[in-house]
Amino acid sequence: MKKILTIDGGGIRGVLPARILHEIEKRTKKPIAELFDLIAGTSTGGILALCLTKPDSKGNPRYKALDILKLYEEEGKKIFKKSPWKSTMSVGV
């Protein structure tokens, strides 16, 4: 049986799957890339998928979910800032 992980998009909300994936890595003591046969995502989920599967020089996953979570928490507002137009269109949402 093949194990497939798909990660949804949603901009800064990518912090939520990053937290969940970090918890999975903590509990299993394994990188996400070793737990799934295929990892894919849309938008920010695709960024997570790429980071979790990018190999280092030894072929091991270069990033852990915690690395990505920290990136989202520290730089998320800069990376995913809303344009004035989008802010105007989402008033009250």
Protein backbone atom coordinates (compact mmCIF):
# COMPACT_ATOMS: atom_id res chain seq x y z
CA MET A 1 0.00 0.00 0.00
CA LYS A 2 1.29 3.45 -0.95
CA LYS A 3 1.01 6.35 1.52
CA ILE A 4 0.23 9.73 -0.04
CA LEU A 5 0.25 13.08 1.76
CA THR A 6 -1.50 16.05 0.15
CA ILE A 7 -1.21 19.47 1.74
CA ASP A 8 -3.77 22.18 0.98
CA GLY A 9 -2.89 25.77 0.16
CA GLY A 10 -4.01 28.90 1.94
CA GLY A 11 -1.10 31.31 2.32
CA ILE A 12 -0.09 31.97 5.91
CA ARG A 13 -2.54 29.27 7.01
CA GLY A 14 0.20 26.85 5.93
CA VAL A 15 1.35 27.24 9.52
CA LEU A 16 -1.44 24.80 10.53
CA PRO A 17 -0.27 21.80 8.47
CA ALA A 18 3.32 22.69 9.41
CA ARG A 19 2.38 22.37 13.10
CA ILE A 20 0.62 19.06 12.51
CA LEU A 21 3.53 17.69 10.47
CA HIS A 22 5.96 18.81 13.17
CA GLU A 23 3.93 16.89 15.76
CA ILE A 24 3.96 13.79 13.53
CA GLU A 25 7.75 14.03 13.20
CA LYS A 26 8.08 14.48 16.96
CA ARG A 27 5.96 11.43 17.74
CA THR A 28 7.44 9.13 15.09
CA LYS A 29 11.01 10.45 15.39
CA LYS A 30 11.17 10.30 11.59
CA PRO A 31 11.16 12.97 8.89
CA ILE A 32 7.89 13.31 6.98
CA ALA A 33 9.66 12.31 3.74
CA GLU A 34 10.34 8.86 5.23
CA LEU A 35 6.71 8.35 6.25
CA PHE A 36 5.06 8.90 2.85
CA ASP A 37 5.67 7.56 -0.65
CA LEU A 38 4.36 10.70 -2.33
CA ILE A 39 4.00 14.23 -0.94
CA ALA A 40 2.20 16.94 -2.93
CA GLY A 41 0.42 20.20 -2.29
CA THR A 42 -1.19 23.25 -3.79
CA SER A 43 0.11 26.77 -3.27
CA THR A 44 1.63 26.99 0.22
CA GLY A 45 1.06 23.24 0.55
CA GLY A 46 3.35 22.79 -2.45
CA ILE A 47 6.01 24.89 -0.71
CA LEU A 48 5.72 22.64 2.35
CA ALA A 49 5.91 19.51 0.18
CA LEU A 50 9.04 20.76 -1.59
CA CYS A 51 10.77 21.76 1.64
CA LEU A 52 9.98 18.43 3.32
CA THR A 53 11.35 16.42 0.40
CA LYS A 54 14.37 18.51 -0.70
CA PRO A 55 17.44 16.37 -0.09
CA ASP A 56 20.65 17.57 1.49
CA SER A 57 24.08 16.56 0.12
CA LYS A 58 23.73 13.11 1.76
CA GLY A 59 20.25 12.46 0.37
CA ASN A 60 18.46 13.05 3.68
CA PRO A 61 15.60 15.56 3.96
CA ARG A 62 17.19 19.01 4.28
CA TYR A 63 14.34 20.56 6.28
CA LYS A 64 12.20 19.33 9.13
CA ALA A 65 8.63 20.49 9.65
CA LEU A 66 9.88 22.54 12.60
CA ASP A 67 12.19 24.50 10.26
CA ILE A 68 9.25 25.38 8.03
CA LEU A 69 7.01 26.19 10.99
CA LYS A 70 9.64 28.63 12.31
CA LEU A 71 9.91 30.23 8.86
CA TYR A 72 6.15 30.76 8.69
CA GLU A 73 6.01 32.14 12.23
CA GLU A 74 9.01 34.48 11.81
CA GLU A 75 8.62 35.60 8.19
CA GLY A 76 5.00 34.79 7.34
CA LYS A 77 3.68 38.34 7.62
CA LYS A 78 6.33 39.56 5.17
CA ILE A 79 5.92 36.66 2.76
CA PHE A 80 2.11 36.57 2.75
CA LYS A 81 1.19 40.22 3.29
CA LYS A 82 -2.11 41.30 1.79
CA SER A 83 -2.21 43.87 -0.94
CA PRO A 84 -4.34 46.97 -0.23
CA TRP A 85 -6.77 45.76 -2.92
CA LYS A 86 -7.22 42.33 -1.31
CA SER A 87 -7.65 43.94 2.13
CA THR A 88 -10.37 46.21 0.73
CA MET A 89 -12.17 43.30 -0.94
CA SER A 90 -12.11 41.14 2.22
CA VAL A 91 -13.52 43.73 4.65
CA GLY A 92 -15.78 41.98 7.11
CA VAL A 93 -14.64 38.51 6.05
